[in-house]
């Protein structure tokens, strides 16, 4: 199990980005959250198997490509904090 901390930049707020990421997550064996950041980016923290995370992130990038200008990603060990995938507010 791994953790990916992903920051999506571009026109990613006010366009249903978080909802779309949450919907896509339902098709993958991942847990975590997605939230808006004060700098206008969207942060996603996801845990799962390496292949599952890669496919999940690739699907987000493909589906939302017209809104994403840049993606920054960090890898970390999973700690099992999450029981599902959610949208965080604030």
PDB file of N, CA and C in Angstrom:
ATOM      1  N   UNK A   1       0.841  -1.194   0.000  1.00  0.00           N
ATOM      2  CA  UNK A   1       0.000   0.000   0.000  1.00  0.00           C
ATOM      3  C   UNK A   1       0.875   1.242   0.000  1.00  0.00           C
ATOM      4  N   UNK A   2       0.413   2.231  -0.744  1.00  0.00           N
ATOM      5  CA  UNK A   2       1.130   3.489  -0.850  1.00  0.00           C
ATOM      6  C   UNK A   2       0.165   4.651  -0.647  1.00  0.00           C
ATOM      7  N   UNK A   3       0.749   5.813  -0.417  1.00  0.00           N
ATOM      8  CA  UNK A   3      -0.018   7.062  -0.340  1.00  0.00           C
ATOM      9  C   UNK A   3       0.507   7.991  -1.420  1.00  0.00           C
ATOM     10  N   UNK A   4      -0.407   8.676  -2.080  1.00  0.00           N
ATOM     11  CA  UNK A   4      -0.041   9.717  -3.041  1.00  0.00           C
ATOM     12  C   UNK A   4      -0.691  11.014  -2.594  1.00  0.00           C
ATOM     13  N   UNK A   5       0.124  12.047  -2.531  1.00  0.00           N
ATOM     14  CA  UNK A   5      -0.352  13.390  -2.211  1.00  0.00           C
ATOM     15  C   UNK A   5      -0.215  14.179  -3.503  1.00  0.00           C
ATOM     16  N   UNK A   6      -1.356  14.570  -4.078  1.00  0.00           N
ATOM     17  CA  UNK A   6      -1.362  15.162  -5.407  1.00  0.00           C
ATOM     18  C   UNK A   6      -1.973  16.557  -5.337  1.00  0.00           C
ATOM     19  N   UNK A   7      -1.290  17.504  -5.975  1.00  0.00           N
ATOM     20  CA  UNK A   7      -1.810  18.865  -6.089  1.00  0.00           C
ATOM     21  C   UNK A   7      -2.099  19.126  -7.563  1.00  0.00           C
ATOM     22  N   UNK A   8      -3.359  19.447  -7.855  1.00  0.00           N
ATOM     23  CA  UNK A   8      -3.774  19.780  -9.217  1.00  0.00           C
ATOM     24  C   UNK A   8      -3.906  21.294  -9.312  1.00  0.00           C
ATOM     25  N   UNK A   9      -3.220  21.895 -10.278  1.00  0.00           N
ATOM     26  CA  UNK A   9      -3.328  23.336 -10.504  1.00  0.00           C
ATOM     27  C   UNK A   9      -3.952  23.591 -11.868  1.00  0.00           C
ATOM     28  N   UNK A  10      -4.566  24.740 -11.972  1.00  0.00           N
ATOM     29  CA  UNK A  10      -5.226  25.153 -13.204  1.00  0.00           C
ATOM     30  C   UNK A  10      -6.579  25.742 -12.855  1.00  0.00           C
ATOM     31  N   UNK A  11      -7.549  25.526 -13.727  1.00  0.00           N
ATOM     32  CA  UNK A  11      -8.932  25.973 -13.462  1.00  0.00           C
ATOM     33  C   UNK A  11      -9.663  24.796 -12.834  1.00  0.00           C
ATOM     34  N   UNK A  12      -9.327  24.506 -11.568  1.00  0.00           N
ATOM     35  CA  UNK A  12      -9.789  23.276 -10.917  1.00  0.00           C
ATOM     36  C   UNK A  12     -10.788  23.516  -9.785  1.00  0.00           C
ATOM     37  N   UNK A  13     -11.134  24.756  -9.513  1.00  0.00           N
ATOM     38  CA  UNK A  13     -12.153  25.037  -8.504  1.00  0.00           C
ATOM     39  C   UNK A  13     -13.369  25.643  -9.183  1.00  0.00           C
ATOM     40  N   UNK A  14     -14.552  25.268  -8.706  1.00  0.00           N
ATOM     41  CA  UNK A  14     -15.790  25.801  -9.261  1.00  0.00           C
ATOM     42  C   UNK A  14     -16.222  25.118 -10.545  1.00  0.00           C
ATOM     43  N   UNK A  15     -15.637  23.957 -10.834  1.00  0.00           N
ATOM     44  CA  UNK A  15     -15.957  23.243 -12.081  1.00  0.00           C
ATOM     45  C   UNK A  15     -16.383  21.794 -11.821  1.00  0.00           C
ATOM     46  N   UNK A  16     -16.655  21.452 -10.560  1.00  0.00           N
ATOM     47  CA  UNK A  16     -17.042  20.087 -10.220  1.00  0.00           C
ATOM     48  C   UNK A  16     -15.870  19.131 -10.129  1.00  0.00           C
ATOM     49  N   UNK A  17     -14.678  19.669  -9.956  1.00  0.00           N
ATOM     50  CA  UNK A  17     -13.469  18.839  -9.927  1.00  0.00           C
ATOM     51  C   UNK A  17     -13.493  17.845  -8.774  1.00  0.00           C
ATOM     52  N   UNK A  18     -13.776  18.327  -7.562  1.00  0.00           N
ATOM     53  CA  UNK A  18     -13.789  17.434  -6.395  1.00  0.00           C
ATOM     54  C   UNK A  18     -14.851  16.350  -6.535  1.00  0.00           C
ATOM     55  N   UNK A  19     -16.036  16.726  -7.003  1.00  0.00           N
ATOM     56  CA  UNK A  19     -17.098  15.749  -7.190  1.00  0.00           C
ATOM     57  C   UNK A  19     -16.670  14.688  -8.212  1.00  0.00           C
ATOM     58  N   UNK A  20     -16.065  15.125  -9.306  1.00  0.00           N
ATOM     59  CA  UNK A  20     -15.630  14.188 -10.342  1.00  0.00           C
ATOM     60  C   UNK A  20     -14.564  13.244  -9.808  1.00  0.00           C
ATOM     61  N   UNK A  21     -13.603  13.764  -9.047  1.00  0.00           N
ATOM     62  CA  UNK A  21     -12.563  12.912  -8.450  1.00  0.00           C
ATOM     63  C   UNK A  21     -13.200  11.888  -7.512  1.00  0.00           C
ATOM     64  N   UNK A  22     -14.157  12.322  -6.706  1.00  0.00           N
ATOM     65  CA  UNK A  22     -14.836  11.420  -5.786  1.00  0.00           C
ATOM     66  C   UNK A  22     -15.596  10.330  -6.548  1.00  0.00           C
ATOM     67  N   UNK A  23     -16.263  10.707  -7.627  1.00  0.00           N
ATOM     68  CA  UNK A  23     -16.994   9.737  -8.453  1.00  0.00           C
ATOM     69  C   UNK A  23     -16.034   8.736  -9.087  1.00  0.00           C
ATOM     70  N   UNK A  24     -14.911   9.226  -9.609  1.00  0.00           N
ATOM     71  CA  UNK A  24     -13.908   8.337 -10.209  1.00  0.00           C
ATOM     72  C   UNK A  24     -13.355   7.380  -9.159  1.00  0.00           C
ATOM     73  N   UNK A  25     -13.132   7.873  -7.947  1.00  0.00           N
ATOM     74  CA  UNK A  25     -12.591   7.034  -6.866  1.00  0.00           C
ATOM     75  C   UNK A  25     -13.469   5.816  -6.611  1.00  0.00           C
ATOM     76  N   UNK A  26     -14.772   5.953  -6.827  1.00  0.00           N
ATOM     77  CA  UNK A  26     -15.691   4.841  -6.617  1.00  0.00           C
ATOM     78  C   UNK A  26     -15.401   3.644  -7.507  1.00  0.00           C
ATOM     79  N   UNK A  27     -14.686   3.852  -8.598  1.00  0.00           N
ATOM     80  CA  UNK A  27     -14.344   2.769  -9.509  1.00  0.00           C
ATOM     81  C   UNK A  27     -13.003   2.125  -9.226  1.00  0.00           C
ATOM     82  N   UNK A  28     -12.340   2.569  -8.175  1.00  0.00           N
ATOM     83  CA  UNK A  28     -11.010   2.064  -7.845  1.00  0.00           C
ATOM     84  C   UNK A  28     -10.949   1.672  -6.379  1.00  0.00           C
ATOM     85  N   UNK A  29     -10.033   0.804  -6.053  1.00  0.00           N
ATOM     86  CA  UNK A  29      -9.831   0.402  -4.662  1.00  0.00           C
ATOM     87  C   UNK A  29      -8.850   1.368  -4.007  1.00  0.00           C
ATOM     88  N   UNK A  30      -9.359   2.569  -3.716  1.00  0.00           N
ATOM     89  CA  UNK A  30      -8.551   3.617  -3.090  1.00  0.00           C
ATOM     90  C   UNK A  30      -9.345   4.241  -1.959  1.00  0.00           C
ATOM     91  N   UNK A  31      -8.646   4.816  -1.014  1.00  0.00           N
ATOM     92  CA  UNK A  31      -9.253   5.584   0.071  1.00  0.00           C
ATOM     93  C   UNK A  31      -8.546   6.931   0.123  1.00  0.00           C
ATOM     94  N   UNK A  32      -9.155   7.897   0.802  1.00  0.00           N
ATOM     95  CA  UNK A  32      -8.516   9.195   0.947  1.00  0.00           C
ATOM     96  C   UNK A  32      -9.521  10.321   0.875  1.00  0.00           C
ATOM     97  N   UNK A  33      -9.053  11.472   0.377  1.00  0.00           N
ATOM     98  CA  UNK A  33      -9.928  12.643   0.273  1.00  0.00           C
ATOM     99  C   UNK A  33      -9.436  13.576  -0.813  1.00  0.00           C
ATOM    100  N   UNK A  34     -10.307  14.511  -1.178  1.00  0.00           N
ATOM    101  CA  UNK A  34      -9.978  15.586  -2.103  1.00  0.00           C
ATOM    102  C   UNK A  34     -10.538  16.865  -1.490  1.00  0.00           C
ATOM    103  N   UNK A  35      -9.789  17.972  -1.626  1.00  0.00           N
ATOM    104  CA  UNK A  35     -10.254  19.238  -1.040  1.00  0.00           C
ATOM    105  C   UNK A  35      -9.693  20.416  -1.820  1.00  0.00           C
ATOM    106  N   UNK A  36     -10.412  21.539  -1.759  1.00  0.00           N
ATOM    107  CA  UNK A  36      -9.928  22.787  -2.335  1.00  0.00           C
ATOM    108  C   UNK A  36      -8.896  23.404  -1.398  1.00  0.00           C
ATOM    109  N   UNK A  37      -7.902  24.057  -1.972  1.00  0.00           N
ATOM    110  CA  UNK A  37      -6.888  24.775  -1.188  1.00  0.00           C
ATOM    111  C   UNK A  37      -7.056  26.275  -1.405  1.00  0.00           C
ATOM    112  N   UNK A  38      -6.579  27.060  -0.463  1.00  0.00           N
ATOM    113  CA  UNK A  38      -6.743  28.514  -0.533  1.00  0.00           C
ATOM    114  C   UNK A  38      -5.987  29.136  -1.702  1.00  0.00           C
ATOM    115  N   UNK A  39      -4.971  28.459  -2.240  1.00  0.00           N
ATOM    116  CA  UNK A  39      -4.204  29.010  -3.361  1.00  0.00           C
ATOM    117  C   UNK A  39      -4.862  28.733  -4.716  1.00  0.00           C
ATOM    118  N   UNK A  40      -6.073  28.136  -4.716  1.00  0.00           N
ATOM    119  CA  UNK A  40      -6.787  27.867  -5.954  1.00  0.00           C
ATOM    120  C   UNK A  40      -6.546  26.477  -6.521  1.00  0.00           C
ATOM    121  N   UNK A  41      -5.670  25.711  -5.889  1.00  0.00           N
ATOM    122  CA  UNK A  41      -5.407  24.344  -6.337  1.00  0.00           C
ATOM    123  C   UNK A  41      -6.365  23.377  -5.640  1.00  0.00           C
ATOM    124  N   UNK A  42      -6.313  22.126  -6.054  1.00  0.00           N
ATOM    125  CA  UNK A  42      -7.063  21.062  -5.400  1.00  0.00           C
ATOM    126  C   UNK A  42      -6.061  20.014  -4.943  1.00  0.00           C
ATOM    127  N   UNK A  43      -6.151  19.628  -3.668  1.00  0.00           N
ATOM    128  CA  UNK A  43      -5.273  18.603  -3.108  1.00  0.00           C
ATOM    129  C   UNK A  43      -6.044  17.295  -2.985  1.00  0.00           C
ATOM    130  N   UNK A  44      -5.371  16.222  -3.360  1.00  0.00           N
ATOM    131  CA  UNK A  44      -5.936  14.893  -3.173  1.00  0.00           C
ATOM    132  C   UNK A  44      -4.912  14.040  -2.444  1.00  0.00           C
ATOM    133  N   UNK A  45      -5.368  13.331  -1.432  1.00  0.00           N
ATOM    134  CA  UNK A  45      -4.537  12.354  -0.737  1.00  0.00           C
ATOM    135  C   UNK A  45      -5.239  11.019  -0.920  1.00  0.00           C
ATOM    136  N   UNK A  46      -4.517  10.057  -1.501  1.00  0.00           N
ATOM    137  CA  UNK A  46      -5.127   8.756  -1.782  1.00  0.00           C
ATOM    138  C   UNK A  46      -4.185   7.639  -1.373  1.00  0.00           C
ATOM    139  N   UNK A  47      -4.780   6.556  -0.876  1.00  0.00           N
ATOM    140  CA  UNK A  47      -4.016   5.367  -0.515  1.00  0.00           C
ATOM    141  C   UNK A  47      -4.584   4.166  -1.249  1.00  0.00           C
ATOM    142  N   UNK A  48      -3.680   3.260  -1.606  1.00  0.00           N
ATOM    143  CA  UNK A  48      -4.069   2.036  -2.291  1.00  0.00           C
ATOM    144  C   UNK A  48      -2.830   1.359  -2.834  1.00  0.00           C
ATOM    145  N   UNK A  49      -3.038   0.321  -3.618  1.00  0.00           N
ATOM    146  CA  UNK A  49      -1.932  -0.348  -4.271  1.00  0.00           C
ATOM    147  C   UNK A  49      -1.353   0.543  -5.360  1.00  0.00           C
ATOM    148  N   UNK A  50      -0.096   0.349  -5.678  1.00  0.00           N
ATOM    149  CA  UNK A  50       0.595   1.191  -6.643  1.00  0.00           C
ATOM    150  C   UNK A  50      -0.113   1.224  -8.001  1.00  0.00           C
ATOM    151  N   UNK A  51      -0.460   0.077  -8.542  1.00  0.00           N
ATOM    152  CA  UNK A  51      -1.141   0.029  -9.848  1.00  0.00           C
ATOM    153  C   UNK A  51      -2.502   0.703  -9.791  1.00  0.00           C
ATOM    154  N   UNK A  52      -3.220   0.477  -8.704  1.00  0.00           N
ATOM    155  CA  UNK A  52      -4.551   1.068  -8.552  1.00  0.00           C
ATOM    156  C   UNK A  52      -4.445   2.597  -8.470  1.00  0.00           C
ATOM    157  N   UNK A  53      -3.484   3.096  -7.709  1.00  0.00           N
ATOM    158  CA  UNK A  53      -3.284   4.545  -7.611  1.00  0.00           C
ATOM    159  C   UNK A  53      -2.887   5.139  -8.951  1.00  0.00           C
ATOM    160  N   UNK A  54      -1.984   4.472  -9.665  1.00  0.00           N
ATOM    161  CA  UNK A  54      -1.568   4.971 -10.977  1.00  0.00           C
ATOM    162  C   UNK A  54      -2.746   5.062 -11.932  1.00  0.00           C
ATOM    163  N   UNK A  55      -3.575   4.025 -11.958  1.00  0.00           N
ATOM    164  CA  UNK A  55      -4.737   4.013 -12.848  1.00  0.00           C
ATOM    165  C   UNK A  55      -5.755   5.086 -12.432  1.00  0.00           C
ATOM    166  N   UNK A  56      -5.965   5.243 -11.144  1.00  0.00           N
ATOM    167  CA  UNK A  56      -6.883   6.252 -10.613  1.00  0.00           C
ATOM    168  C   UNK A  56      -6.443   7.655 -11.016  1.00  0.00           C
ATOM    169  N   UNK A  57      -5.179   7.962 -10.788  1.00  0.00           N
ATOM    170  CA  UNK A  57      -4.662   9.292 -11.124  1.00  0.00           C
ATOM    171  C   UNK A  57      -4.683   9.511 -12.631  1.00  0.00           C
ATOM    172  N   UNK A  58      -4.368   8.498 -13.408  1.00  0.00           N
ATOM    173  CA  UNK A  58      -4.420   8.613 -14.869  1.00  0.00           C
ATOM    174  C   UNK A  58      -5.840   8.913 -15.337  1.00  0.00           C
ATOM    175  N   UNK A  59      -6.820   8.283 -14.709  1.00  0.00           N
ATOM    176  CA  UNK A  59      -8.226   8.528 -15.072  1.00  0.00           C
ATOM    177  C   UNK A  59      -8.639   9.959 -14.736  1.00  0.00           C
ATOM    178  N   UNK A  60      -8.203  10.465 -13.588  1.00  0.00           N
ATOM    179  CA  UNK A  60      -8.483  11.870 -13.234  1.00  0.00           C
ATOM    180  C   UNK A  60      -7.867  12.791 -14.265  1.00  0.00           C
ATOM    181  N   UNK A  61      -6.607  12.553 -14.589  1.00  0.00           N
ATOM    182  CA  UNK A  61      -5.909  13.416 -15.554  1.00  0.00           C
ATOM    183  C   UNK A  61      -6.585  13.387 -16.915  1.00  0.00           C
ATOM    184  N   UNK A  62      -7.030  12.224 -17.329  1.00  0.00           N
ATOM    185  CA  UNK A  62      -7.698  12.094 -18.624  1.00  0.00           C
ATOM    186  C   UNK A  62      -9.059  12.783 -18.624  1.00  0.00           C
ATOM    187  N   UNK A  63      -9.856  12.511 -17.604  1.00  0.00           N
ATOM    188  CA  UNK A  63     -11.212  13.050 -17.525  1.00  0.00           C
ATOM    189  C   UNK A  63     -11.213  14.566 -17.352  1.00  0.00           C
ATOM    190  N   UNK A  64     -10.295  15.091 -16.567  1.00  0.00           N
ATOM    191  CA  UNK A  64     -10.287  16.519 -16.234  1.00  0.00           C
ATOM    192  C   UNK A  64      -9.154  17.294 -16.924  1.00  0.00           C
ATOM    193  N   UNK A  65      -8.595  16.734 -17.983  1.00  0.00           N
ATOM    194  CA  UNK A  65      -7.412  17.317 -18.623  1.00  0.00           C
ATOM    195  C   UNK A  65      -7.596  18.763 -19.076  1.00  0.00           C
ATOM    196  N   UNK A  66      -8.790  19.126 -19.494  1.00  0.00           N
ATOM    197  CA  UNK A  66      -9.014  20.486 -19.972  1.00  0.00           C
ATOM    198  C   UNK A  66      -9.029  21.517 -18.840  1.00  0.00           C
ATOM    199  N   UNK A  67      -9.053  21.078 -17.591  1.00  0.00           N
ATOM    200  CA  UNK A  67      -9.004  21.995 -16.450  1.00  0.00           C
ATOM    201  C   UNK A  67      -7.634  22.018 -15.766  1.00  0.00           C
ATOM    202  N   UNK A  68      -6.838  20.978 -15.983  1.00  0.00           N
ATOM    203  CA  UNK A  68      -5.562  20.826 -15.271  1.00  0.00           C
ATOM    204  C   UNK A  68      -4.425  21.449 -16.081  1.00  0.00           C
ATOM    205  N   UNK A  69      -3.666  22.325 -15.432  1.00  0.00           N
ATOM    206  CA  UNK A  69      -2.488  22.917 -16.053  1.00  0.00           C
ATOM    207  C   UNK A  69      -1.212  22.221 -15.571  1.00  0.00           C
ATOM    208  N   UNK A  70      -1.207  21.798 -14.311  1.00  0.00           N
ATOM    209  CA  UNK A  70      -0.010  21.205 -13.728  1.00  0.00           C
ATOM    210  C   UNK A  70      -0.413  20.236 -12.615  1.00  0.00           C
ATOM    211  N   UNK A  71       0.391  19.188 -12.449  1.00  0.00           N
ATOM    212  CA  UNK A  71       0.154  18.207 -11.394  1.00  0.00           C
ATOM    213  C   UNK A  71       1.464  17.981 -10.656  1.00  0.00           C
ATOM    214  N   UNK A  72       1.451  18.127  -9.355  1.00  0.00           N
ATOM    215  CA  UNK A  72       2.601  17.801  -8.507  1.00  0.00           C
ATOM    216  C   UNK A  72       2.205  16.627  -7.627  1.00  0.00           C
ATOM    217  N   UNK A  73       3.089  15.626  -7.550  1.00  0.00           N
ATOM    218  CA  UNK A  73       2.752  14.434  -6.789  1.00  0.00           C
ATOM    219  C   UNK A  73       3.911  14.013  -5.906  1.00  0.00           C
ATOM    220  N   UNK A  74       3.570  13.610  -4.689  1.00  0.00           N
ATOM    221  CA  UNK A  74       4.535  13.049  -3.740  1.00  0.00           C
ATOM    222  C   UNK A  74       4.076  11.661  -3.358  1.00  0.00           C
ATOM    223  N   UNK A  75       5.024  10.768  -3.147  1.00  0.00           N
ATOM    224  CA  UNK A  75       4.715   9.424  -2.676  1.00  0.00           C
ATOM    225  C   UNK A  75       5.113   9.314  -1.211  1.00  0.00           C
ATOM    226  N   UNK A  76       4.347   8.535  -0.471  1.00  0.00           N
ATOM    227  CA  UNK A  76       4.632   8.306   0.948  1.00  0.00           C
ATOM    228  C   UNK A  76       4.079   6.931   1.310  1.00  0.00           C
ATOM    229  N   UNK A  77       4.522   6.374   2.421  1.00  0.00           N
ATOM    230  CA  UNK A  77       3.942   5.101   2.866  1.00  0.00           C
ATOM    231  C   UNK A  77       2.496   5.308   3.322  1.00  0.00           C
ATOM    232  N   UNK A  78       1.644   4.366   3.027  1.00  0.00           N
ATOM    233  CA  UNK A  78       0.256   4.427   3.505  1.00  0.00           C
ATOM    234  C   UNK A  78       0.236   4.167   5.003  1.00  0.00           C
ATOM    235  N   UNK A  79      -0.702   4.820   5.691  1.00  0.00           N
ATOM    236  CA  UNK A  79      -0.825   4.555   7.125  1.00  0.00           C
ATOM    237  C   UNK A  79      -2.214   4.043   7.499  1.00  0.00           C
ATOM    238  N   UNK A  80      -3.073   3.825   6.510  1.00  0.00           N
ATOM    239  CA  UNK A  80      -4.383   3.247   6.768  1.00  0.00           C
ATOM    240  C   UNK A  80      -5.359   4.161   7.491  1.00  0.00           C
ATOM    241  N   UNK A  81      -5.135   5.456   7.412  1.00  0.00           N
ATOM    242  CA  UNK A  81      -5.965   6.433   8.109  1.00  0.00           C
ATOM    243  C   UNK A  81      -7.411   6.450   7.609  1.00  0.00           C
ATOM    244  N   UNK A  82      -7.608   6.207   6.330  1.00  0.00           N
ATOM    245  CA  UNK A  82      -8.912   6.429   5.705  1.00  0.00           C
ATOM    246  C   UNK A  82      -9.717   5.138   5.590  1.00  0.00           C
ATOM    247  N   UNK A  83     -11.039   5.276   5.724  1.00  0.00           N
ATOM    248  CA  UNK A  83     -11.908   4.116   5.563  1.00  0.00           C
ATOM    249  C   UNK A  83     -12.683   4.178   4.250  1.00  0.00           C
ATOM    250  N   UNK A  84     -12.644   5.304   3.583  1.00  0.00           N
ATOM    251  CA  UNK A  84     -13.331   5.488   2.308  1.00  0.00           C
ATOM    252  C   UNK A  84     -12.716   6.675   1.594  1.00  0.00           C
ATOM    253  N   UNK A  85     -13.389   7.174   0.573  1.00  0.00           N
ATOM    254  CA  UNK A  85     -12.904   8.350  -0.145  1.00  0.00           C
ATOM    255  C   UNK A  85     -13.959   9.451   0.012  1.00  0.00           C
ATOM    256  N   UNK A  86     -13.510  10.650   0.404  1.00  0.00           N
ATOM    257  CA  UNK A  86     -14.470  11.714   0.696  1.00  0.00           C
ATOM    258  C   UNK A  86     -14.025  13.054   0.116  1.00  0.00           C
ATOM    259  N   UNK A  87     -14.988  13.956   0.063  1.00  0.00           N
ATOM    260  CA  UNK A  87     -14.723  15.354  -0.277  1.00  0.00           C
ATOM    261  C   UNK A  87     -14.652  16.106   1.038  1.00  0.00           C
ATOM    262  N   UNK A  88     -13.554  16.806   1.240  1.00  0.00           N
ATOM    263  CA  UNK A  88     -13.410  17.609   2.467  1.00  0.00           C
ATOM    264  C   UNK A  88     -13.710  19.061   2.142  1.00  0.00           C
ATOM    265  N   UNK A  89     -14.347  19.735   3.072  1.00  0.00           N
ATOM    266  CA  UNK A  89     -14.706  21.144   2.911  1.00  0.00           C
ATOM    267  C   UNK A  89     -13.948  21.941   3.970  1.00  0.00           C
ATOM    268  N   UNK A  90     -13.283  22.990   3.491  1.00  0.00           N
ATOM    269  CA  UNK A  90     -12.566  23.845   4.430  1.00  0.00           C
ATOM    270  C   UNK A  90     -11.231  23.357   4.850  1.00  0.00           C
TER     271      UNK A  90
END
